[in-house]
């Protein structure tokens, strides 16, 4: 390549051609550098968008898990409340049965 440029430079017509080739090469290299920079920016922007989407998906998943935990906890609390009510009803029923049994004993004893 250098030999070709030297040969063209020493030739009268070749000097204009070598200057033209140098300009075209310079413009081409400059365009490639600028396009590579733009391409790098585009890739960086896309990776940032993907990361943001991934982050928002993770946040959404965390919210869903938290809501599920709250629902489960609320269901467990309601279940525990129902168990307590059932236990209280059972205790009242047992007390009433005992009281009825004592009344029956007293009524049989008095007859």
PDB file of N, CA and C in Angstrom:
ATOM      1  N   UNK A   1       0.840  -1.191   0.000  1.00  0.00           N
ATOM      2  CA  UNK A   1       0.000   0.000   0.000  1.00  0.00           C
ATOM      3  C   UNK A   1       0.882   1.250   0.000  1.00  0.00           C
ATOM      4  N   UNK A   2       1.971   1.233   0.823  1.00  0.00           N
ATOM      5  CA  UNK A   2       2.854   2.408   0.855  1.00  0.00           C
ATOM      6  C   UNK A   2       3.558   2.596  -0.490  1.00  0.00           C
ATOM      7  N   UNK A   3       3.969   1.487  -1.049  1.00  0.00           N
ATOM      8  CA  UNK A   3       4.645   1.591  -2.347  1.00  0.00           C
ATOM      9  C   UNK A   3       3.712   2.173  -3.393  1.00  0.00           C
ATOM     10  N   UNK A   4       2.472   1.741  -3.354  1.00  0.00           N
ATOM     11  CA  UNK A   4       1.499   2.272  -4.313  1.00  0.00           C
ATOM     12  C   UNK A   4       1.312   3.767  -4.103  1.00  0.00           C
ATOM     13  N   UNK A   5       1.194   4.184  -2.834  1.00  0.00           N
ATOM     14  CA  UNK A   5       1.025   5.615  -2.560  1.00  0.00           C
ATOM     15  C   UNK A   5       2.263   6.417  -2.978  1.00  0.00           C
ATOM     16  N   UNK A   6       3.469   5.895  -2.750  1.00  0.00           N
ATOM     17  CA  UNK A   6       4.691   6.588  -3.168  1.00  0.00           C
ATOM     18  C   UNK A   6       4.752   6.726  -4.684  1.00  0.00           C
ATOM     19  N   UNK A   7       4.378   5.646  -5.352  1.00  0.00           N
ATOM     20  CA  UNK A   7       4.396   5.669  -6.809  1.00  0.00           C
ATOM     21  C   UNK A   7       3.398   6.688  -7.346  1.00  0.00           C
ATOM     22  N   UNK A   8       2.193   6.680  -6.748  1.00  0.00           N
ATOM     23  CA  UNK A   8       1.180   7.634  -7.213  1.00  0.00           C
ATOM     24  C   UNK A   8       1.574   9.072  -6.872  1.00  0.00           C
ATOM     25  N   UNK A   9       2.237   9.277  -5.752  1.00  0.00           N
ATOM     26  CA  UNK A   9       2.613  10.622  -5.338  1.00  0.00           C
ATOM     27  C   UNK A   9       3.663  11.197  -6.280  1.00  0.00           C
ATOM     28  N   UNK A  10       4.567  10.381  -6.731  1.00  0.00           N
ATOM     29  CA  UNK A  10       5.618  10.863  -7.620  1.00  0.00           C
ATOM     30  C   UNK A  10       5.109  11.070  -9.041  1.00  0.00           C
ATOM     31  N   UNK A  11       4.051  10.425  -9.389  1.00  0.00           N
ATOM     32  CA  UNK A  11       3.447  10.625 -10.704  1.00  0.00           C
ATOM     33  C   UNK A  11       2.582  11.874 -10.647  1.00  0.00           C
ATOM     34  N   UNK A  12       2.549  12.680 -11.701  1.00  0.00           N
ATOM     35  CA  UNK A  12       1.807  13.936 -11.700  1.00  0.00           C
ATOM     36  C   UNK A  12       0.311  13.695 -11.548  1.00  0.00           C
ATOM     37  N   UNK A  13      -0.223  12.796 -12.284  1.00  0.00           N
ATOM     38  CA  UNK A  13      -1.647  12.479 -12.184  1.00  0.00           C
ATOM     39  C   UNK A  13      -1.891  11.689 -10.904  1.00  0.00           C
ATOM     40  N   UNK A  14      -0.930  10.883 -10.545  1.00  0.00           N
ATOM     41  CA  UNK A  14      -1.060  10.053  -9.361  1.00  0.00           C
ATOM     42  C   UNK A  14      -1.118  10.864  -8.085  1.00  0.00           C
ATOM     43  N   UNK A  15      -0.492  12.043  -8.065  1.00  0.00           N
ATOM     44  CA  UNK A  15      -0.539  12.858  -6.846  1.00  0.00           C
ATOM     45  C   UNK A  15      -1.961  13.285  -6.540  1.00  0.00           C
ATOM     46  N   UNK A  16      -2.723  13.623  -7.545  1.00  0.00           N
ATOM     47  CA  UNK A  16      -4.115  13.997  -7.293  1.00  0.00           C
ATOM     48  C   UNK A  16      -4.937  12.770  -6.896  1.00  0.00           C
ATOM     49  N   UNK A  17      -4.590  11.636  -7.502  1.00  0.00           N
ATOM     50  CA  UNK A  17      -5.305  10.415  -7.141  1.00  0.00           C
ATOM     51  C   UNK A  17      -4.953   9.983  -5.718  1.00  0.00           C
ATOM     52  N   UNK A  18      -3.684  10.119  -5.353  1.00  0.00           N
ATOM     53  CA  UNK A  18      -3.303   9.732  -3.993  1.00  0.00           C
ATOM     54  C   UNK A  18      -3.918  10.665  -2.968  1.00  0.00           C
ATOM     55  N   UNK A  19      -4.032  11.945  -3.301  1.00  0.00           N
ATOM     56  CA  UNK A  19      -4.691  12.888  -2.394  1.00  0.00           C
ATOM     57  C   UNK A  19      -6.161  12.525  -2.248  1.00  0.00           C
ATOM     58  N   UNK A  20      -6.768  12.199  -3.382  1.00  0.00           N
ATOM     59  CA  UNK A  20      -8.176  11.797  -3.349  1.00  0.00           C
ATOM     60  C   UNK A  20      -8.355  10.519  -2.533  1.00  0.00           C
ATOM     61  N   UNK A  21      -7.441   9.559  -2.709  1.00  0.00           N
ATOM     62  CA  UNK A  21      -7.517   8.309  -1.952  1.00  0.00           C
ATOM     63  C   UNK A  21      -7.339   8.567  -0.455  1.00  0.00           C
ATOM     64  N   UNK A  22      -6.434   9.479  -0.110  1.00  0.00           N
ATOM     65  CA  UNK A  22      -6.216   9.813   1.292  1.00  0.00           C
ATOM     66  C   UNK A  22      -7.466  10.461   1.891  1.00  0.00           C
ATOM     67  N   UNK A  23      -8.102  11.354   1.130  1.00  0.00           N
ATOM     68  CA  UNK A  23      -9.327  11.985   1.618  1.00  0.00           C
ATOM     69  C   UNK A  23     -10.450  10.965   1.786  1.00  0.00           C
ATOM     70  N   UNK A  24     -10.609  10.104   0.781  1.00  0.00           N
ATOM     71  CA  UNK A  24     -11.666   9.092   0.866  1.00  0.00           C
ATOM     72  C   UNK A  24     -11.399   8.156   2.041  1.00  0.00           C
ATOM     73  N   UNK A  25     -10.136   7.759   2.219  1.00  0.00           N
ATOM     74  CA  UNK A  25      -9.777   6.893   3.341  1.00  0.00           C
ATOM     75  C   UNK A  25     -10.047   7.591   4.662  1.00  0.00           C
ATOM     76  N   UNK A  26      -9.679   8.856   4.777  1.00  0.00           N
ATOM     77  CA  UNK A  26      -9.916   9.617   6.008  1.00  0.00           C
ATOM     78  C   UNK A  26     -11.392   9.740   6.318  1.00  0.00           C
ATOM     79  N   UNK A  27     -12.184  10.044   5.299  1.00  0.00           N
ATOM     80  CA  UNK A  27     -13.634  10.169   5.509  1.00  0.00           C
ATOM     81  C   UNK A  27     -14.222   8.819   5.903  1.00  0.00           C
ATOM     82  N   UNK A  28     -13.758   7.754   5.236  1.00  0.00           N
ATOM     83  CA  UNK A  28     -14.269   6.413   5.548  1.00  0.00           C
ATOM     84  C   UNK A  28     -13.925   6.018   6.977  1.00  0.00           C
ATOM     85  N   UNK A  29     -12.691   6.255   7.374  1.00  0.00           N
ATOM     86  CA  UNK A  29     -12.287   5.924   8.748  1.00  0.00           C
ATOM     87  C   UNK A  29     -13.071   6.760   9.752  1.00  0.00           C
ATOM     88  N   UNK A  30     -13.229   8.049   9.474  1.00  0.00           N
ATOM     89  CA  UNK A  30     -14.007   8.912  10.370  1.00  0.00           C
ATOM     90  C   UNK A  30     -15.449   8.442  10.495  1.00  0.00           C
ATOM     91  N   UNK A  31     -16.043   8.069   9.353  1.00  0.00           N
ATOM     92  CA  UNK A  31     -17.430   7.582   9.370  1.00  0.00           C
ATOM     93  C   UNK A  31     -17.534   6.278  10.162  1.00  0.00           C
ATOM     94  N   UNK A  32     -16.540   5.403  10.000  1.00  0.00           N
ATOM     95  CA  UNK A  32     -16.557   4.144  10.738  1.00  0.00           C
ATOM     96  C   UNK A  32     -16.454   4.387  12.241  1.00  0.00           C
ATOM     97  N   UNK A  33     -15.582   5.317  12.622  1.00  0.00           N
ATOM     98  CA  UNK A  33     -15.419   5.625  14.053  1.00  0.00           C
ATOM     99  C   UNK A  33     -16.716   6.198  14.621  1.00  0.00           C
ATOM    100  N   UNK A  34     -17.323   7.124  13.870  1.00  0.00           N
ATOM    101  CA  UNK A  34     -18.576   7.718  14.355  1.00  0.00           C
ATOM    102  C   UNK A  34     -19.690   6.686  14.424  1.00  0.00           C
ATOM    103  N   UNK A  35     -19.768   5.817  13.406  1.00  0.00           N
ATOM    104  CA  UNK A  35     -20.826   4.803  13.424  1.00  0.00           C
ATOM    105  C   UNK A  35     -20.591   3.797  14.547  1.00  0.00           C
ATOM    106  N   UNK A  36     -19.327   3.474  14.817  1.00  0.00           N
ATOM    107  CA  UNK A  36     -19.041   2.561  15.927  1.00  0.00           C
ATOM    108  C   UNK A  36     -19.425   3.195  17.263  1.00  0.00           C
ATOM    109  N   UNK A  37     -19.199   4.499  17.388  1.00  0.00           N
ATOM    110  CA  UNK A  37     -19.582   5.206  18.605  1.00  0.00           C
ATOM    111  C   UNK A  37     -21.109   5.202  18.747  1.00  0.00           C
ATOM    112  N   UNK A  38     -21.810   5.487  17.669  1.00  0.00           N
ATOM    113  CA  UNK A  38     -23.274   5.476  17.704  1.00  0.00           C
ATOM    114  C   UNK A  38     -23.798   4.084  18.008  1.00  0.00           C
ATOM    115  N   UNK A  39     -23.185   3.074  17.417  1.00  0.00           N
ATOM    116  CA  UNK A  39     -23.585   1.695  17.668  1.00  0.00           C
ATOM    117  C   UNK A  39     -23.373   1.335  19.139  1.00  0.00           C
ATOM    118  N   UNK A  40     -22.239   1.766  19.688  1.00  0.00           N
ATOM    119  CA  UNK A  40     -21.968   1.513  21.103  1.00  0.00           C
ATOM    120  C   UNK A  40     -22.997   2.178  22.004  1.00  0.00           C
ATOM    121  N   UNK A  41     -23.378   3.416  21.667  1.00  0.00           N
ATOM    122  CA  UNK A  41     -24.403   4.114  22.446  1.00  0.00           C
ATOM    123  C   UNK A  41     -25.745   3.382  22.358  1.00  0.00           C
ATOM    124  N   UNK A  42     -26.085   2.922  21.151  1.00  0.00           N
ATOM    125  CA  UNK A  42     -27.354   2.207  20.968  1.00  0.00           C
ATOM    126  C   UNK A  42     -27.369   0.914  21.779  1.00  0.00           C
ATOM    127  N   UNK A  43     -26.257   0.189  21.751  1.00  0.00           N
ATOM    128  CA  UNK A  43     -26.176  -1.050  22.529  1.00  0.00           C
ATOM    129  C   UNK A  43     -26.277  -0.744  24.026  1.00  0.00           C
ATOM    130  N   UNK A  44     -25.587   0.279  24.466  1.00  0.00           N
ATOM    131  CA  UNK A  44     -25.630   0.660  25.874  1.00  0.00           C
ATOM    132  C   UNK A  44     -27.050   1.042  26.295  1.00  0.00           C
ATOM    133  N   UNK A  45     -27.726   1.811  25.451  1.00  0.00           N
ATOM    134  CA  UNK A  45     -29.106   2.215  25.736  1.00  0.00           C
ATOM    135  C   UNK A  45     -30.008   0.994  25.825  1.00  0.00           C
ATOM    136  N   UNK A  46     -29.840   0.068  24.900  1.00  0.00           N
ATOM    137  CA  UNK A  46     -30.683  -1.141  24.900  1.00  0.00           C
ATOM    138  C   UNK A  46     -30.441  -1.974  26.157  1.00  0.00           C
ATOM    139  N   UNK A  47     -29.173  -2.134  26.543  1.00  0.00           N
ATOM    140  CA  UNK A  47     -28.881  -2.885  27.760  1.00  0.00           C
ATOM    141  C   UNK A  47     -29.492  -2.208  28.982  1.00  0.00           C
ATOM    142  N   UNK A  48     -29.467  -0.883  28.994  1.00  0.00           N
ATOM    143  CA  UNK A  48     -30.082  -0.148  30.097  1.00  0.00           C
ATOM    144  C   UNK A  48     -31.584  -0.391  30.127  1.00  0.00           C
ATOM    145  N   UNK A  49     -32.219  -0.375  28.956  1.00  0.00           N
ATOM    146  CA  UNK A  49     -33.658  -0.635  28.893  1.00  0.00           C
ATOM    147  C   UNK A  49     -33.987  -2.043  29.367  1.00  0.00           C
ATOM    148  N   UNK A  50     -33.182  -3.004  28.930  1.00  0.00           N
ATOM    149  CA  UNK A  50     -33.409  -4.387  29.346  1.00  0.00           C
ATOM    150  C   UNK A  50     -33.242  -4.514  30.859  1.00  0.00           C
ATOM    151  N   UNK A  51     -32.225  -3.864  31.406  1.00  0.00           N
ATOM    152  CA  UNK A  51     -31.998  -3.910  32.851  1.00  0.00           C
ATOM    153  C   UNK A  51     -33.164  -3.281  33.602  1.00  0.00           C
ATOM    154  N   UNK A  52     -33.676  -2.153  33.081  1.00  0.00           N
ATOM    155  CA  UNK A  52     -34.806  -1.496  33.731  1.00  0.00           C
ATOM    156  C   UNK A  52     -36.039  -2.386  33.681  1.00  0.00           C
ATOM    157  N   UNK A  53     -36.268  -3.055  32.540  1.00  0.00           N
ATOM    158  CA  UNK A  53     -37.405  -3.962  32.437  1.00  0.00           C
ATOM    159  C   UNK A  53     -37.246  -5.110  33.424  1.00  0.00           C
ATOM    160  N   UNK A  54     -36.043  -5.639  33.515  1.00  0.00           N
ATOM    161  CA  UNK A  54     -35.775  -6.737  34.443  1.00  0.00           C
ATOM    162  C   UNK A  54     -36.009  -6.278  35.879  1.00  0.00           C
ATOM    163  N   UNK A  55     -35.541  -5.067  36.197  1.00  0.00           N
ATOM    164  CA  UNK A  55     -35.747  -4.526  37.540  1.00  0.00           C
ATOM    165  C   UNK A  55     -37.235  -4.356  37.836  1.00  0.00           C
ATOM    166  N   UNK A  56     -37.982  -3.825  36.857  1.00  0.00           N
ATOM    167  CA  UNK A  56     -39.418  -3.618  37.084  1.00  0.00           C
ATOM    168  C   UNK A  56     -40.134  -4.953  37.223  1.00  0.00           C
ATOM    169  N   UNK A  57     -39.693  -5.970  36.483  1.00  0.00           N
ATOM    170  CA  UNK A  57     -40.293  -7.292  36.634  1.00  0.00           C
ATOM    171  C   UNK A  57     -39.995  -7.863  38.016  1.00  0.00           C
ATOM    172  N   UNK A  58     -38.781  -7.675  38.488  1.00  0.00           N
ATOM    173  CA  UNK A  58     -38.427  -8.166  39.821  1.00  0.00           C
ATOM    174  C   UNK A  58     -39.246  -7.451  40.888  1.00  0.00           C
ATOM    175  N   UNK A  59     -39.425  -6.153  40.725  1.00  0.00           N
ATOM    176  CA  UNK A  59     -40.231  -5.390  41.683  1.00  0.00           C
ATOM    177  C   UNK A  59     -41.668  -5.889  41.664  1.00  0.00           C
ATOM    178  N   UNK A  60     -42.210  -6.127  40.459  1.00  0.00           N
ATOM    179  CA  UNK A  60     -43.577  -6.628  40.336  1.00  0.00           C
ATOM    180  C   UNK A  60     -43.706  -8.002  40.993  1.00  0.00           C
ATOM    181  N   UNK A  61     -42.723  -8.868  40.769  1.00  0.00           N
ATOM    182  CA  UNK A  61     -42.752 -10.193  41.386  1.00  0.00           C
ATOM    183  C   UNK A  61     -42.691 -10.085  42.910  1.00  0.00           C
ATOM    184  N   UNK A  62     -41.864  -9.173  43.423  1.00  0.00           N
ATOM    185  CA  UNK A  62     -41.784  -8.981  44.872  1.00  0.00           C
ATOM    186  C   UNK A  62     -43.122  -8.506  45.425  1.00  0.00           C
ATOM    187  N   UNK A  63     -43.777  -7.588  44.706  1.00  0.00           N
ATOM    188  CA  UNK A  63     -45.088  -7.100  45.146  1.00  0.00           C
ATOM    189  C   UNK A  63     -46.099  -8.236  45.175  1.00  0.00           C
ATOM    190  N   UNK A  64     -46.077  -9.077  44.138  1.00  0.00           N
ATOM    191  CA  UNK A  64     -47.013 -10.195  44.096  1.00  0.00           C
ATOM    192  C   UNK A  64     -46.756 -11.180  45.231  1.00  0.00           C
ATOM    193  N   UNK A  65     -45.482 -11.457  45.513  1.00  0.00           N
ATOM    194  CA  UNK A  65     -45.154 -12.358  46.620  1.00  0.00           C
ATOM    195  C   UNK A  65     -45.603 -11.766  47.953  1.00  0.00           C
ATOM    196  N   UNK A  66     -45.398 -10.463  48.113  1.00  0.00           N
ATOM    197  CA  UNK A  66     -45.809  -9.799  49.350  1.00  0.00           C
ATOM    198  C   UNK A  66     -47.329  -9.849  49.510  1.00  0.00           C
ATOM    199  N   UNK A  67     -48.054  -9.589  48.420  1.00  0.00           N
ATOM    200  CA  UNK A  67     -49.511  -9.654  48.486  1.00  0.00           C
ATOM    201  C   UNK A  67     -49.974 -11.071  48.811  1.00  0.00           C
ATOM    202  N   UNK A  68     -49.311 -12.064  48.226  1.00  0.00           N
ATOM    203  CA  UNK A  68     -49.670 -13.454  48.509  1.00  0.00           C
ATOM    204  C   UNK A  68     -49.415 -13.782  49.975  1.00  0.00           C
ATOM    205  N   UNK A  69     -48.295 -13.296  50.508  1.00  0.00           N
ATOM    206  CA  UNK A  69     -48.005 -13.519  51.934  1.00  0.00           C
ATOM    207  C   UNK A  69     -49.059 -12.872  52.820  1.00  0.00           C
ATOM    208  N   UNK A  70     -49.439 -11.643  52.447  1.00  0.00           N
ATOM    209  CA  UNK A  70     -50.456 -10.950  53.235  1.00  0.00           C
ATOM    210  C   UNK A  70     -51.781 -11.700  53.200  1.00  0.00           C
ATOM    211  N   UNK A  71     -52.156 -12.176  51.987  1.00  0.00           N
ATOM    212  CA  UNK A  71     -53.399 -12.937  51.884  1.00  0.00           C
ATOM    213  C   UNK A  71     -53.325 -14.214  52.724  1.00  0.00           C
ATOM    214  N   UNK A  72     -52.201 -14.893  52.652  1.00  0.00           N
ATOM    215  CA  UNK A  72     -52.037 -16.130  53.409  1.00  0.00           C
ATOM    216  C   UNK A  72     -52.093 -15.844  54.907  1.00  0.00           C
ATOM    217  N   UNK A  73     -51.412 -14.775  55.314  1.00  0.00           N
ATOM    218  CA  UNK A  73     -51.413 -14.408  56.724  1.00  0.00           C
ATOM    219  C   UNK A  73     -52.828 -14.043  57.167  1.00  0.00           C
ATOM    220  N   UNK A  74     -53.550 -13.305  56.322  1.00  0.00           N
ATOM    221  CA  UNK A  74     -54.917 -12.929  56.652  1.00  0.00           C
ATOM    222  C   UNK A  74     -55.805 -14.168  56.752  1.00  0.00           C
ATOM    223  N   UNK A  75     -55.611 -15.111  55.835  1.00  0.00           N
ATOM    224  CA  UNK A  75     -56.389 -16.350  55.890  1.00  0.00           C
ATOM    225  C   UNK A  75     -56.063 -17.130  57.156  1.00  0.00           C
ATOM    226  N   UNK A  76     -54.794 -17.173  57.517  1.00  0.00           N
ATOM    227  CA  UNK A  76     -54.398 -17.885  58.737  1.00  0.00           C
ATOM    228  C   UNK A  76     -55.005 -17.213  59.968  1.00  0.00           C
ATOM    229  N   UNK A  77     -55.015 -15.874  59.965  1.00  0.00           N
ATOM    230  CA  UNK A  77     -55.611 -15.158  61.096  1.00  0.00           C
ATOM    231  C   UNK A  77     -57.105 -15.449  61.188  1.00  0.00           C
ATOM    232  N   UNK A  78     -57.791 -15.453  60.030  1.00  0.00           N
ATOM    233  CA  UNK A  78     -59.223 -15.764  60.031  1.00  0.00           C
ATOM    234  C   UNK A  78     -59.480 -17.192  60.491  1.00  0.00           C
ATOM    235  N   UNK A  79     -58.634 -18.101  60.039  1.00  0.00           N
ATOM    236  CA  UNK A  79     -58.779 -19.492  60.450  1.00  0.00           C
ATOM    237  C   UNK A  79     -58.578 -19.636  61.960  1.00  0.00           C
ATOM    238  N   UNK A  80     -57.588 -18.960  62.487  1.00  0.00           N
ATOM    239  CA  UNK A  80     -57.346 -19.000  63.932  1.00  0.00           C
ATOM    240  C   UNK A  80     -58.526 -18.400  64.692  1.00  0.00           C
ATOM    241  N   UNK A  81     -59.093 -17.321  64.175  1.00  0.00           N
ATOM    242  CA  UNK A  81     -60.254 -16.702  64.806  1.00  0.00           C
ATOM    243  C   UNK A  81     -61.442 -17.674  64.810  1.00  0.00           C
ATOM    244  N   UNK A  82     -61.644 -18.373  63.684  1.00  0.00           N
ATOM    245  CA  UNK A  82     -62.726 -19.352  63.616  1.00  0.00           C
ATOM    246  C   UNK A  82     -62.487 -20.508  64.593  1.00  0.00           C
ATOM    247  N   UNK A  83     -61.242 -20.933  64.715  1.00  0.00           N
ATOM    248  CA  UNK A  83     -60.923 -22.002  65.680  1.00  0.00           C
ATOM    249  C   UNK A  83     -61.240 -21.566  67.104  1.00  0.00           C
ATOM    250  N   UNK A  84     -60.879 -20.322  67.413  1.00  0.00           N
ATOM    251  CA  UNK A  84     -61.158 -19.813  68.757  1.00  0.00           C
ATOM    252  C   UNK A  84     -62.664 -19.749  69.012  1.00  0.00           C
ATOM    253  N   UNK A  85     -63.409 -19.262  68.011  1.00  0.00           N
ATOM    254  CA  UNK A  85     -64.865 -19.204  68.170  1.00  0.00           C
ATOM    255  C   UNK A  85     -65.444 -20.597  68.375  1.00  0.00           C
ATOM    256  N   UNK A  86     -64.961 -21.538  67.573  1.00  0.00           N
ATOM    257  CA  UNK A  86     -65.450 -22.919  67.684  1.00  0.00           C
ATOM    258  C   UNK A  86     -65.119 -23.481  69.064  1.00  0.00           C
ATOM    259  N   UNK A  87     -63.933 -23.189  69.550  1.00  0.00           N
ATOM    260  CA  UNK A  87     -63.542 -23.664  70.886  1.00  0.00           C
ATOM    261  C   UNK A  87     -64.437 -23.045  71.951  1.00  0.00           C
ATOM    262  N   UNK A  88     -64.730 -21.758  71.811  1.00  0.00           N
ATOM    263  CA  UNK A  88     -65.618 -21.089  72.777  1.00  0.00           C
ATOM    264  C   UNK A  88     -67.016 -21.690  72.724  1.00  0.00           C
ATOM    265  N   UNK A  89     -67.510 -21.950  71.506  1.00  0.00           N
ATOM    266  CA  UNK A  89     -68.836 -22.552  71.380  1.00  0.00           C
ATOM    267  C   UNK A  89     -68.862 -23.943  72.016  1.00  0.00           C
ATOM    268  N   UNK A  90     -67.793 -24.693  71.771  1.00  0.00           N
ATOM    269  CA  UNK A  90     -67.697 -26.033  72.352  1.00  0.00           C
ATOM    270  C   UNK A  90     -67.680 -25.963  73.880  1.00  0.00           C
ATOM    271  N   UNK A  91     -66.926 -25.024  74.435  1.00  0.00           N
ATOM    272  CA  UNK A  91     -66.863 -24.868  75.887  1.00  0.00           C
ATOM    273  C   UNK A  91     -68.230 -24.477  76.444  1.00  0.00           C
ATOM    274  N   UNK A  92     -68.921 -23.545  75.756  1.00  0.00           N
ATOM    275  CA  UNK A  92     -70.260 -23.146  76.215  1.00  0.00           C
ATOM    276  C   UNK A  92     -71.231 -24.320  76.163  1.00  0.00           C
ATOM    277  N   UNK A  93     -71.136 -25.092  75.084  1.00  0.00           N
ATOM    278  CA  UNK A  93     -72.011 -26.254  74.948  1.00  0.00           C
ATOM    279  C   UNK A  93     -71.738 -27.275  76.063  1.00  0.00           C
ATOM    280  N   UNK A  94     -70.452 -27.498  76.369  1.00  0.00           N
ATOM    281  CA  UNK A  94     -70.102 -28.436  77.437  1.00  0.00           C
ATOM    282  C   UNK A  94     -70.608 -27.934  78.777  1.00  0.00           C
ATOM    283  N   UNK A  95     -70.464 -26.628  79.032  1.00  0.00           N
ATOM    284  CA  UNK A  95     -70.969 -26.057  80.297  1.00  0.00           C
ATOM    285  C   UNK A  95     -72.481 -26.201  80.382  1.00  0.00           C
ATOM    286  N   UNK A  96     -73.153 -25.952  79.251  1.00  0.00           N
ATOM    287  CA  UNK A  96     -74.610 -26.067  79.241  1.00  0.00           C
ATOM    288  C   UNK A  96     -75.024 -27.522  79.467  1.00  0.00           C
ATOM    289  N   UNK A  97     -74.278 -28.443  78.826  1.00  0.00           N
ATOM    290  CA  UNK A  97     -74.594 -29.867  79.017  1.00  0.00           C
ATOM    291  C   UNK A  97     -74.400 -30.281  80.469  1.00  0.00           C
ATOM    292  N   UNK A  98     -73.351 -29.790  81.093  1.00  0.00           N
ATOM    293  CA  UNK A  98     -73.107 -30.096  82.504  1.00  0.00           C
ATOM    294  C   UNK A  98     -74.218 -29.528  83.371  1.00  0.00           C
ATOM    295  N   UNK A  99     -74.603 -28.298  83.055  1.00  0.00           N
ATOM    296  CA  UNK A  99     -75.674 -27.671  83.837  1.00  0.00           C
ATOM    297  C   UNK A  99     -76.973 -28.432  83.646  1.00  0.00           C
ATOM    298  N   UNK A 100     -77.287 -28.852  82.427  1.00  0.00           N
ATOM    299  CA  UNK A 100     -78.508 -29.627  82.178  1.00  0.00           C
ATOM    300  C   UNK A 100     -78.450 -30.971  82.898  1.00  0.00           C
ATOM    301  N   UNK A 101     -77.272 -31.591  82.880  1.00  0.00           N
ATOM    302  CA  UNK A 101     -77.130 -32.888  83.569  1.00  0.00           C
ATOM    303  C   UNK A 101     -77.337 -32.713  85.071  1.00  0.00           C
ATOM    304  N   UNK A 102     -76.821 -31.643  85.647  1.00  0.00           N
ATOM    305  CA  UNK A 102     -77.011 -31.392  87.078  1.00  0.00           C
ATOM    306  C   UNK A 102     -78.481 -31.128  87.384  1.00  0.00           C
ATOM    307  N   UNK A 103     -79.151 -30.389  86.485  1.00  0.00           N
ATOM    308  CA  UNK A 103     -80.579 -30.116  86.681  1.00  0.00           C
ATOM    309  C   UNK A 103     -81.365 -31.406  86.636  1.00  0.00           C
ATOM    310  N   UNK A 104     -81.013 -32.299  85.691  1.00  0.00           N
ATOM    311  CA  UNK A 104     -81.702 -33.572  85.584  1.00  0.00           C
ATOM    312  C   UNK A 104     -81.477 -34.395  86.859  1.00  0.00           C
ATOM    313  N   UNK A 105     -80.261 -34.413  87.407  1.00  0.00           N
ATOM    314  CA  UNK A 105     -79.963 -35.158  88.632  1.00  0.00           C
ATOM    315  C   UNK A 105     -80.776 -34.605  89.806  1.00  0.00           C
ATOM    316  N   UNK A 106     -80.834 -33.280  89.859  1.00  0.00           N
ATOM    317  CA  UNK A 106     -81.585 -32.661  90.954  1.00  0.00           C
ATOM    318  C   UNK A 106     -83.071 -32.977  90.840  1.00  0.00           C
ATOM    319  N   UNK A 107     -83.574 -32.957  89.611  1.00  0.00           N
ATOM    320  CA  UNK A 107     -85.006 -33.242  89.431  1.00  0.00           C
ATOM    321  C   UNK A 107     -85.321 -34.699  89.735  1.00  0.00           C
ATOM    322  N   UNK A 108     -84.419 -35.637  89.388  1.00  0.00           N
ATOM    323  CA  UNK A 108     -84.622 -37.030  89.725  1.00  0.00           C
ATOM    324  C   UNK A 108     -84.481 -37.252  91.231  1.00  0.00           C
ATOM    325  N   UNK A 109     -83.565 -36.518  91.853  1.00  0.00           N
ATOM    326  CA  UNK A 109     -83.361 -36.668  93.295  1.00  0.00           C
ATOM    327  C   UNK A 109     -84.566 -36.137  94.053  1.00  0.00           C
ATOM    328  N   UNK A 110     -85.196 -35.102  93.568  1.00  0.00           N
ATOM    329  CA  UNK A 110     -86.331 -34.521  94.268  1.00  0.00           C
ATOM    330  C   UNK A 110     -87.594 -35.350  94.064  1.00  0.00           C
ATOM    331  N   UNK A 111     -87.674 -36.178  93.068  1.00  0.00           N
ATOM    332  CA  UNK A 111     -88.889 -36.979  92.837  1.00  0.00           C
ATOM    333  C   UNK A 111     -88.934 -38.131  93.716  1.00  0.00           C
TER     334      UNK A 111
END
